[in-house]
Amino acid sequence: MELTQVLIKPLVTEKASALREQVAERLTFLVHPDANRIEIKRAVETIFNVTVTKVNVVRSKPRDYLRQGRQLRHVSGAKKAYVTLAAGNKIEYFEGA
């Protein structure tokens, strides 16, 4: 898999912002479902020119929300990566304008 296909987009949510306030070097990305930790680490290091110390991966399952036997909506599954950078490394995309 090419490095440009591994990272889909950065996630900027309330939880990701709270994690950035706790640990300034922690970033959250939506990644390809077939990507593993090594590919994610290599992609972040080469694309953003930083040093990655840790990668945590979380997968959410696709599911349908049901109420009284009726399908209300479908939530597609996703794979997220919480990437911790080495001290002193920053990605300017997350710093704001």
PDB file of N, CA and C in Angstrom:
ATOM      1  N   MET A   1       0.845  -1.171   0.000  1.00  0.00           N
ATOM      2  CA  MET A   1       0.000   0.000   0.000  1.00  0.00           C
ATOM      3  C   MET A   1       0.897   1.243   0.000  1.00  0.00           C
ATOM      4  N   GLU A   2       0.535   2.231  -0.808  1.00  0.00           N
ATOM      5  CA  GLU A   2       1.312   3.457  -0.877  1.00  0.00           C
ATOM      6  C   GLU A   2       1.107   4.297   0.371  1.00  0.00           C
ATOM      7  N   LEU A   3       2.087   5.101   0.699  1.00  0.00           N
ATOM      8  CA  LEU A   3       2.014   5.913   1.910  1.00  0.00           C
ATOM      9  C   LEU A   3       0.913   6.961   1.839  1.00  0.00           C
ATOM     10  N   THR A   4       0.591   7.429   0.650  1.00  0.00           N
ATOM     11  CA  THR A   4      -0.466   8.438   0.525  1.00  0.00           C
ATOM     12  C   THR A   4      -1.854   7.848   0.716  1.00  0.00           C
ATOM     13  N   GLN A   5      -1.989   6.531   0.632  1.00  0.00           N
ATOM     14  CA  GLN A   5      -3.279   5.884   0.830  1.00  0.00           C
ATOM     15  C   GLN A   5      -3.514   5.478   2.277  1.00  0.00           C
ATOM     16  N   VAL A   6      -2.469   5.467   3.099  1.00  0.00           N
ATOM     17  CA  VAL A   6      -2.599   5.004   4.475  1.00  0.00           C
ATOM     18  C   VAL A   6      -3.390   6.011   5.305  1.00  0.00           C
ATOM     19  N   LEU A   7      -3.006   7.273   5.271  1.00  0.00           N
ATOM     20  CA  LEU A   7      -3.693   8.318   6.030  1.00  0.00           C
ATOM     21  C   LEU A   7      -4.825   8.886   5.194  1.00  0.00           C
ATOM     22  N   ILE A   8      -6.047   8.801   5.694  1.00  0.00           N
ATOM     23  CA  ILE A   8      -7.194   9.331   4.958  1.00  0.00           C
ATOM     24  C   ILE A   8      -7.397  10.797   5.288  1.00  0.00           C
ATOM     25  N   LYS A   9      -7.506  11.116   6.588  1.00  0.00           N
ATOM     26  CA  LYS A   9      -7.653  12.517   6.994  1.00  0.00           C
ATOM     27  C   LYS A   9      -7.369  12.640   8.480  1.00  0.00           C
ATOM     28  N   PRO A  10      -6.980  13.820   8.920  1.00  0.00           N
ATOM     29  CA  PRO A  10      -6.821  14.029  10.360  1.00  0.00           C
ATOM     30  C   PRO A  10      -8.188  14.226  10.999  1.00  0.00           C
ATOM     31  N   LEU A  11      -8.341  13.736  12.215  1.00  0.00           N
ATOM     32  CA  LEU A  11      -9.599  13.900  12.927  1.00  0.00           C
ATOM     33  C   LEU A  11      -9.474  15.052  13.912  1.00  0.00           C
ATOM     34  N   VAL A  12     -10.367  16.014  13.778  1.00  0.00           N
ATOM     35  CA  VAL A  12     -10.401  17.146  14.691  1.00  0.00           C
ATOM     36  C   VAL A  12     -11.756  17.093  15.383  1.00  0.00           C
ATOM     37  N   THR A  13     -11.803  16.381  16.506  1.00  0.00           N
ATOM     38  CA  THR A  13     -13.028  16.217  17.271  1.00  0.00           C
ATOM     39  C   THR A  13     -12.783  16.719  18.691  1.00  0.00           C
ATOM     40  N   GLU A  14     -13.807  16.691  19.511  1.00  0.00           N
ATOM     41  CA  GLU A  14     -13.652  17.122  20.894  1.00  0.00           C
ATOM     42  C   GLU A  14     -12.685  16.207  21.648  1.00  0.00           C
ATOM     43  N   LYS A  15     -12.794  14.912  21.416  1.00  0.00           N
ATOM     44  CA  LYS A  15     -11.910  13.975  22.099  1.00  0.00           C
ATOM     45  C   LYS A  15     -10.463  14.171  21.646  1.00  0.00           C
ATOM     46  N   ALA A  16     -10.251  14.361  20.351  1.00  0.00           N
ATOM     47  CA  ALA A  16      -8.897  14.569  19.844  1.00  0.00           C
ATOM     48  C   ALA A  16      -8.312  15.870  20.377  1.00  0.00           C
ATOM     49  N   SER A  17      -9.130  16.908  20.490  1.00  0.00           N
ATOM     50  CA  SER A  17      -8.660  18.180  21.034  1.00  0.00           C
ATOM     51  C   SER A  17      -8.317  18.049  22.512  1.00  0.00           C
ATOM     52  N   ALA A  18      -9.106  17.291  23.248  1.00  0.00           N
ATOM     53  CA  ALA A  18      -8.819  17.070  24.667  1.00  0.00           C
ATOM     54  C   ALA A  18      -7.518  16.293  24.841  1.00  0.00           C
ATOM     55  N   LEU A  19      -7.259  15.312  23.961  1.00  0.00           N
ATOM     56  CA  LEU A  19      -6.006  14.569  24.034  1.00  0.00           C
ATOM     57  C   LEU A  19      -4.814  15.459  23.713  1.00  0.00           C
ATOM     58  N   ARG A  20      -4.992  16.415  22.780  1.00  0.00           N
ATOM     59  CA  ARG A  20      -3.909  17.339  22.446  1.00  0.00           C
ATOM     60  C   ARG A  20      -3.610  18.280  23.597  1.00  0.00           C
ATOM     61  N   GLU A  21      -4.615  18.611  24.395  1.00  0.00           N
ATOM     62  CA  GLU A  21      -4.374  19.462  25.556  1.00  0.00           C
ATOM     63  C   GLU A  21      -3.614  18.697  26.641  1.00  0.00           C
ATOM     64  N   GLN A  22      -3.887  17.407  26.790  1.00  0.00           N
ATOM     65  CA  GLN A  22      -3.182  16.591  27.784  1.00  0.00           C
ATOM     66  C   GLN A  22      -1.745  16.324  27.347  1.00  0.00           C
ATOM     67  N   VAL A  23      -1.587  15.821  26.130  1.00  0.00           N
ATOM     68  CA  VAL A  23      -0.268  15.525  25.568  1.00  0.00           C
ATOM     69  C   VAL A  23      -0.168  16.273  24.246  1.00  0.00           C
ATOM     70  N   ALA A  24       0.722  17.252  24.196  1.00  0.00           N
ATOM     71  CA  ALA A  24       0.785  18.149  23.035  1.00  0.00           C
ATOM     72  C   ALA A  24       1.230  17.440  21.760  1.00  0.00           C
ATOM     73  N   GLU A  25       1.929  16.320  21.895  1.00  0.00           N
ATOM     74  CA  GLU A  25       2.461  15.633  20.715  1.00  0.00           C
ATOM     75  C   GLU A  25       1.559  14.519  20.204  1.00  0.00           C
ATOM     76  N   ARG A  26       0.316  14.410  20.671  1.00  0.00           N
ATOM     77  CA  ARG A  26      -0.567  13.324  20.253  1.00  0.00           C
ATOM     78  C   ARG A  26      -1.535  13.811  19.176  1.00  0.00           C
ATOM     79  N   LEU A  27      -1.584  13.084  18.056  1.00  0.00           N
ATOM     80  CA  LEU A  27      -2.441  13.423  16.918  1.00  0.00           C
ATOM     81  C   LEU A  27      -3.365  12.259  16.616  1.00  0.00           C
ATOM     82  N   THR A  28      -4.485  12.559  15.967  1.00  0.00           N
ATOM     83  CA  THR A  28      -5.458  11.530  15.624  1.00  0.00           C
ATOM     84  C   THR A  28      -5.714  11.558  14.123  1.00  0.00           C
ATOM     85  N   PHE A  29      -5.666  10.385  13.485  1.00  0.00           N
ATOM     86  CA  PHE A  29      -5.896  10.270  12.051  1.00  0.00           C
ATOM     87  C   PHE A  29      -6.924   9.182  11.781  1.00  0.00           C
ATOM     88  N   LEU A  30      -7.716   9.370  10.744  1.00  0.00           N
ATOM     89  CA  LEU A  30      -8.539   8.310  10.185  1.00  0.00           C
ATOM     90  C   LEU A  30      -7.662   7.612   9.155  1.00  0.00           C
ATOM     91  N   VAL A  31      -7.513   6.283   9.285  1.00  0.00           N
ATOM     92  CA  VAL A  31      -6.581   5.555   8.436  1.00  0.00           C
ATOM     93  C   VAL A  31      -7.313   4.489   7.632  1.00  0.00           C
ATOM     94  N   HIS A  32      -6.629   3.954   6.648  1.00  0.00           N
ATOM     95  CA  HIS A  32      -7.159   2.895   5.791  1.00  0.00           C
ATOM     96  C   HIS A  32      -7.418   1.647   6.638  1.00  0.00           C
ATOM     97  N   PRO A  33      -8.518   0.937   6.395  1.00  0.00           N
ATOM     98  CA  PRO A  33      -8.843  -0.240   7.219  1.00  0.00           C
ATOM     99  C   PRO A  33      -7.806  -1.359   7.175  1.00  0.00           C
ATOM    100  N   ASP A  34      -7.013  -1.437   6.117  1.00  0.00           N
ATOM    101  CA  ASP A  34      -6.014  -2.497   6.001  1.00  0.00           C
ATOM    102  C   ASP A  34      -4.628  -2.070   6.477  1.00  0.00           C
ATOM    103  N   ALA A  35      -4.468  -0.831   6.920  1.00  0.00           N
ATOM    104  CA  ALA A  35      -3.160  -0.337   7.344  1.00  0.00           C
ATOM    105  C   ALA A  35      -2.811  -0.869   8.732  1.00  0.00           C
ATOM    106  N   ASN A  36      -1.527  -1.161   8.928  1.00  0.00           N
ATOM    107  CA  ASN A  36      -1.074  -1.605  10.247  1.00  0.00           C
ATOM    108  C   ASN A  36      -0.224  -0.517  10.888  1.00  0.00           C
ATOM    109  N   ARG A  37       0.249  -0.771  12.112  1.00  0.00           N
ATOM    110  CA  ARG A  37       0.990   0.241  12.869  1.00  0.00           C
ATOM    111  C   ARG A  37       2.274   0.669  12.170  1.00  0.00           C
ATOM    112  N   ILE A  38       2.963  -0.273  11.574  1.00  0.00           N
ATOM    113  CA  ILE A  38       4.230   0.033  10.914  1.00  0.00           C
ATOM    114  C   ILE A  38       3.996   0.944   9.720  1.00  0.00           C
ATOM    115  N   GLU A  39       2.983   0.654   8.920  1.00  0.00           N
ATOM    116  CA  GLU A  39       2.674   1.500   7.762  1.00  0.00           C
ATOM    117  C   GLU A  39       2.226   2.893   8.195  1.00  0.00           C
ATOM    118  N   ILE A  40       1.440   2.969   9.264  1.00  0.00           N
ATOM    119  CA  ILE A  40       0.979   4.268   9.756  1.00  0.00           C
ATOM    120  C   ILE A  40       2.161   5.093  10.243  1.00  0.00           C
ATOM    121  N   LYS A  41       3.055   4.475  10.996  1.00  0.00           N
ATOM    122  CA  LYS A  41       4.232   5.179  11.491  1.00  0.00           C
ATOM    123  C   LYS A  41       5.099   5.674  10.344  1.00  0.00           C
ATOM    124  N   ARG A  42       5.345   4.819   9.365  1.00  0.00           N
ATOM    125  CA  ARG A  42       6.177   5.186   8.218  1.00  0.00           C
ATOM    126  C   ARG A  42       5.533   6.320   7.412  1.00  0.00           C
ATOM    127  N   ALA A  43       4.203   6.273   7.258  1.00  0.00           N
ATOM    128  CA  ALA A  43       3.511   7.309   6.495  1.00  0.00           C
ATOM    129  C   ALA A  43       3.588   8.670   7.192  1.00  0.00           C
ATOM    130  N   VAL A  44       3.356   8.704   8.493  1.00  0.00           N
ATOM    131  CA  VAL A  44       3.410   9.971   9.224  1.00  0.00           C
ATOM    132  C   VAL A  44       4.825  10.529   9.218  1.00  0.00           C
ATOM    133  N   GLU A  45       5.817   9.670   9.396  1.00  0.00           N
ATOM    134  CA  GLU A  45       7.205  10.143   9.438  1.00  0.00           C
ATOM    135  C   GLU A  45       7.653  10.701   8.092  1.00  0.00           C
ATOM    136  N   THR A  46       7.271  10.076   7.000  1.00  0.00           N
ATOM    137  CA  THR A  46       7.735  10.556   5.694  1.00  0.00           C
ATOM    138  C   THR A  46       6.918  11.735   5.178  1.00  0.00           C
ATOM    139  N   ILE A  47       5.625  11.742   5.406  1.00  0.00           N
ATOM    140  CA  ILE A  47       4.795  12.825   4.874  1.00  0.00           C
ATOM    141  C   ILE A  47       5.029  14.128   5.644  1.00  0.00           C
ATOM    142  N   PHE A  48       5.079  14.047   6.985  1.00  0.00           N
ATOM    143  CA  PHE A  48       5.189  15.251   7.806  1.00  0.00           C
ATOM    144  C   PHE A  48       6.601  15.525   8.304  1.00  0.00           C
ATOM    145  N   ASN A  49       7.563  14.637   8.020  1.00  0.00           N
ATOM    146  CA  ASN A  49       8.956  14.812   8.395  1.00  0.00           C
ATOM    147  C   ASN A  49       9.109  14.998   9.910  1.00  0.00           C
ATOM    148  N   VAL A  50       8.553  14.083  10.682  1.00  0.00           N
ATOM    149  CA  VAL A  50       8.628  14.081  12.146  1.00  0.00           C
ATOM    150  C   VAL A  50       9.065  12.695  12.614  1.00  0.00           C
ATOM    151  N   THR A  51       9.309  12.555  13.915  1.00  0.00           N
ATOM    152  CA  THR A  51       9.662  11.268  14.502  1.00  0.00           C
ATOM    153  C   THR A  51       8.501  10.772  15.341  1.00  0.00           C
ATOM    154  N   VAL A  52       8.022   9.564  15.064  1.00  0.00           N
ATOM    155  CA  VAL A  52       6.893   8.959  15.778  1.00  0.00           C
ATOM    156  C   VAL A  52       7.441   7.997  16.823  1.00  0.00           C
ATOM    157  N   THR A  53       6.940   8.119  18.067  1.00  0.00           N
ATOM    158  CA  THR A  53       7.382   7.218  19.122  1.00  0.00           C
ATOM    159  C   THR A  53       6.372   6.106  19.393  1.00  0.00           C
ATOM    160  N   LYS A  54       5.076   6.383  19.174  1.00  0.00           N
ATOM    161  CA  LYS A  54       4.060   5.405  19.537  1.00  0.00           C
ATOM    162  C   LYS A  54       2.857   5.542  18.615  1.00  0.00           C
ATOM    163  N   VAL A  55       2.234   4.410  18.270  1.00  0.00           N
ATOM    164  CA  VAL A  55       1.021   4.398  17.455  1.00  0.00           C
ATOM    165  C   VAL A  55       0.009   3.462  18.121  1.00  0.00           C
ATOM    166  N   ASN A  56      -1.147   3.997  18.461  1.00  0.00           N
ATOM    167  CA  ASN A  56      -2.251   3.188  18.979  1.00  0.00           C
ATOM    168  C   ASN A  56      -3.355   3.168  17.928  1.00  0.00           C
ATOM    169  N   VAL A  57      -3.938   1.991  17.696  1.00  0.00           N
ATOM    170  CA  VAL A  57      -4.947   1.830  16.658  1.00  0.00           C
ATOM    171  C   VAL A  57      -6.251   1.362  17.288  1.00  0.00           C
ATOM    172  N   VAL A  58      -7.363   1.989  16.869  1.00  0.00           N
ATOM    173  CA  VAL A  58      -8.689   1.648  17.364  1.00  0.00           C
ATOM    174  C   VAL A  58      -9.585   1.395  16.159  1.00  0.00           C
ATOM    175  N   ARG A  59     -10.336   0.303  16.209  1.00  0.00           N
ATOM    176  CA  ARG A  59     -11.258  -0.016  15.120  1.00  0.00           C
ATOM    177  C   ARG A  59     -12.672  -0.044  15.681  1.00  0.00           C
ATOM    178  N   SER A  60     -13.588   0.664  15.012  1.00  0.00           N
ATOM    179  CA  SER A  60     -14.995   0.621  15.406  1.00  0.00           C
ATOM    180  C   SER A  60     -15.753  -0.197  14.374  1.00  0.00           C
ATOM    181  N   LYS A  61     -16.656  -1.018  14.833  1.00  0.00           N
ATOM    182  CA  LYS A  61     -17.389  -1.913  13.953  1.00  0.00           C
ATOM    183  C   LYS A  61     -18.568  -1.195  13.302  1.00  0.00           C
ATOM    184  N   PRO A  62     -18.898  -1.556  12.061  1.00  0.00           N
ATOM    185  CA  PRO A  62     -20.112  -1.004  11.460  1.00  0.00           C
ATOM    186  C   PRO A  62     -21.339  -1.609  12.132  1.00  0.00           C
ATOM    187  N   ARG A  63     -22.352  -0.800  12.332  1.00  0.00           N
ATOM    188  CA  ARG A  63     -23.545  -1.306  13.011  1.00  0.00           C
ATOM    189  C   ARG A  63     -24.767  -0.511  12.600  1.00  0.00           C
ATOM    190  N   ASP A  64     -25.914  -1.147  12.793  1.00  0.00           N
ATOM    191  CA  ASP A  64     -27.200  -0.512  12.550  1.00  0.00           C
ATOM    192  C   ASP A  64     -27.849  -0.216  13.890  1.00  0.00           C
ATOM    193  N   TYR A  65     -28.372   0.974  14.009  1.00  0.00           N
ATOM    194  CA  TYR A  65     -29.122   1.311  15.206  1.00  0.00           C
ATOM    195  C   TYR A  65     -30.573   0.913  14.990  1.00  0.00           C
ATOM    196  N   LEU A  66     -31.100   0.118  15.885  1.00  0.00           N
ATOM    197  CA  LEU A  66     -32.470  -0.371  15.777  1.00  0.00           C
ATOM    198  C   LEU A  66     -33.300   0.180  16.927  1.00  0.00           C
ATOM    199  N   ARG A  67     -34.572   0.394  16.661  1.00  0.00           N
ATOM    200  CA  ARG A  67     -35.492   0.790  17.709  1.00  0.00           C
ATOM    201  C   ARG A  67     -36.821   0.122  17.434  1.00  0.00           C
ATOM    202  N   GLN A  68     -37.248  -0.720  18.325  1.00  0.00           N
ATOM    203  CA  GLN A  68     -38.488  -1.464  18.216  1.00  0.00           C
ATOM    204  C   GLN A  68     -38.563  -2.226  16.897  1.00  0.00           C
ATOM    205  N   GLY A  69     -37.442  -2.841  16.503  1.00  0.00           N
ATOM    206  CA  GLY A  69     -37.414  -3.671  15.316  1.00  0.00           C
ATOM    207  C   GLY A  69     -37.255  -2.912  14.007  1.00  0.00           C
ATOM    208  N   ARG A  70     -37.220  -1.588  14.043  1.00  0.00           N
ATOM    209  CA  ARG A  70     -37.059  -0.809  12.813  1.00  0.00           C
ATOM    210  C   ARG A  70     -35.638  -0.257  12.737  1.00  0.00           C
ATOM    211  N   GLN A  71     -35.090  -0.273  11.548  1.00  0.00           N
ATOM    212  CA  GLN A  71     -33.751   0.258  11.354  1.00  0.00           C
ATOM    213  C   GLN A  71     -33.825   1.775  11.258  1.00  0.00           C
ATOM    214  N   LEU A  72     -33.119   2.457  12.145  1.00  0.00           N
ATOM    215  CA  LEU A  72     -33.123   3.905  12.120  1.00  0.00           C
ATOM    216  C   LEU A  72     -31.998   4.466  11.268  1.00  0.00           C
ATOM    217  N   ARG A  73     -30.786   3.959  11.487  1.00  0.00           N
ATOM    218  CA  ARG A  73     -29.676   4.437  10.681  1.00  0.00           C
ATOM    219  C   ARG A  73     -28.528   3.448  10.724  1.00  0.00           C
ATOM    220  N   HIS A  74     -27.610   3.602   9.780  1.00  0.00           N
ATOM    221  CA  HIS A  74     -26.439   2.740   9.679  1.00  0.00           C
ATOM    222  C   HIS A  74     -25.202   3.591   9.938  1.00  0.00           C
ATOM    223  N   VAL A  75     -24.311   3.100  10.795  1.00  0.00           N
ATOM    224  CA  VAL A  75     -23.048   3.767  11.070  1.00  0.00           C
ATOM    225  C   VAL A  75     -21.938   2.895  10.491  1.00  0.00           C
ATOM    226  N   SER A  76     -21.151   3.459   9.583  1.00  0.00           N
ATOM    227  CA  SER A  76     -20.087   2.684   8.968  1.00  0.00           C
ATOM    228  C   SER A  76     -18.905   2.582   9.928  1.00  0.00           C
ATOM    229  N   GLY A  77     -18.163   1.537   9.787  1.00  0.00           N
ATOM    230  CA  GLY A  77     -17.003   1.318  10.638  1.00  0.00           C
ATOM    231  C   GLY A  77     -15.856   2.224  10.232  1.00  0.00           C
ATOM    232  N   ALA A  78     -14.904   2.398  11.128  1.00  0.00           N
ATOM    233  CA  ALA A  78     -13.751   3.240  10.859  1.00  0.00           C
ATOM    234  C   ALA A  78     -12.552   2.715  11.632  1.00  0.00           C
ATOM    235  N   LYS A  79     -11.370   3.112  11.198  1.00  0.00           N
ATOM    236  CA  LYS A  79     -10.145   2.761  11.889  1.00  0.00           C
ATOM    237  C   LYS A  79      -9.396   4.056  12.169  1.00  0.00           C
ATOM    238  N   LYS A  80      -9.104   4.298  13.450  1.00  0.00           N
ATOM    239  CA  LYS A  80      -8.422   5.516  13.850  1.00  0.00           C
ATOM    240  C   LYS A  80      -7.052   5.166  14.413  1.00  0.00           C
ATOM    241  N   ALA A  81      -6.119   6.097  14.242  1.00  0.00           N
ATOM    242  CA  ALA A  81      -4.781   5.922  14.791  1.00  0.00           C
ATOM    243  C   ALA A  81      -4.453   7.122  15.655  1.00  0.00           C
ATOM    244  N   TYR A  82      -4.050   6.849  16.896  1.00  0.00           N
ATOM    245  CA  TYR A  82      -3.570   7.878  17.806  1.00  0.00           C
ATOM    246  C   TYR A  82      -2.044   7.832  17.747  1.00  0.00           C
ATOM    247  N   VAL A  83      -1.430   8.867  17.193  1.00  0.00           N
ATOM    248  CA  VAL A  83       0.003   8.898  16.946  1.00  0.00           C
ATOM    249  C   VAL A  83       0.647   9.850  17.947  1.00  0.00           C
ATOM    250  N   THR A  84       1.677   9.369  18.647  1.00  0.00           N
ATOM    251  CA  THR A  84       2.430  10.195  19.580  1.00  0.00           C
ATOM    252  C   THR A  84       3.769  10.527  18.953  1.00  0.00           C
ATOM    253  N   LEU A  85       4.066  11.814  18.867  1.00  0.00           N
ATOM    254  CA  LEU A  85       5.316  12.273  18.286  1.00  0.00           C
ATOM    255  C   LEU A  85       6.385  12.384  19.363  1.00  0.00           C
ATOM    256  N   ALA A  86       7.643  12.420  18.935  1.00  0.00           N
ATOM    257  CA  ALA A  86       8.747  12.627  19.865  1.00  0.00           C
ATOM    258  C   ALA A  86       8.682  14.056  20.392  1.00  0.00           C
ATOM    259  N   ALA A  87       9.279  14.266  21.545  1.00  0.00           N
ATOM    260  CA  ALA A  87       9.246  15.594  22.170  1.00  0.00           C
ATOM    261  C   ALA A  87       9.899  16.626  21.255  1.00  0.00           C
ATOM    262  N   GLY A  88       9.232  17.751  21.110  1.00  0.00           N
ATOM    263  CA  GLY A  88       9.754  18.826  20.266  1.00  0.00           C
ATOM    264  C   GLY A  88       9.269  18.795  18.834  1.00  0.00           C
ATOM    265  N   ASN A  89       8.683  17.706  18.383  1.00  0.00           N
ATOM    266  CA  ASN A  89       8.163  17.614  17.021  1.00  0.00           C
ATOM    267  C   ASN A  89       6.739  18.142  16.976  1.00  0.00           C
ATOM    268  N   LYS A  90       6.414  18.877  15.920  1.00  0.00           N
ATOM    269  CA  LYS A  90       5.068  19.400  15.732  1.00  0.00           C
ATOM    270  C   LYS A  90       4.684  19.284  14.271  1.00  0.00           C
ATOM    271  N   ILE A  91       3.386  19.209  14.035  1.00  0.00           N
ATOM    272  CA  ILE A  91       2.850  19.270  12.677  1.00  0.00           C
ATOM    273  C   ILE A  91       2.072  20.559  12.591  1.00  0.00           C
ATOM    274  N   GLU A  92       2.420  21.412  11.677  1.00  0.00           N
ATOM    275  CA  GLU A  92       1.848  22.760  11.587  1.00  0.00           C
ATOM    276  C   GLU A  92       0.368  22.729  11.230  1.00  0.00           C
ATOM    277  N   TYR A  93      -0.110  21.664  10.628  1.00  0.00           N
ATOM    278  CA  TYR A  93      -1.523  21.569  10.242  1.00  0.00           C
ATOM    279  C   TYR A  93      -2.425  21.678  11.455  1.00  0.00           C
ATOM    280  N   PHE A  94      -1.988  21.135  12.588  1.00  0.00           N
ATOM    281  CA  PHE A  94      -2.795  21.099  13.789  1.00  0.00           C
ATOM    282  C   PHE A  94      -2.621  22.335  14.661  1.00  0.00           C
ATOM    283  N   GLU A  95      -1.715  23.220  14.325  1.00  0.00           N
ATOM    284  CA  GLU A  95      -1.447  24.374  15.174  1.00  0.00           C
ATOM    285  C   GLU A  95      -2.456  25.489  14.988  1.00  0.00           C
ATOM    286  N   GLY A  96      -3.213  25.479  13.911  1.00  0.00           N
ATOM    287  CA  GLY A  96      -4.208  26.519  13.676  1.00  0.00           C
ATOM    288  C   GLY A  96      -3.628  27.658  12.861  1.00  0.00           C
ATOM    289  N   ALA A  97      -4.498  28.611  12.522  1.00  0.00           N
ATOM    290  CA  ALA A  97      -4.045  29.709  11.667  1.00  0.00           C
ATOM    291  C   ALA A  97      -3.698  30.924  12.486  1.00  0.00           C
TER     292      ALA A  97
END
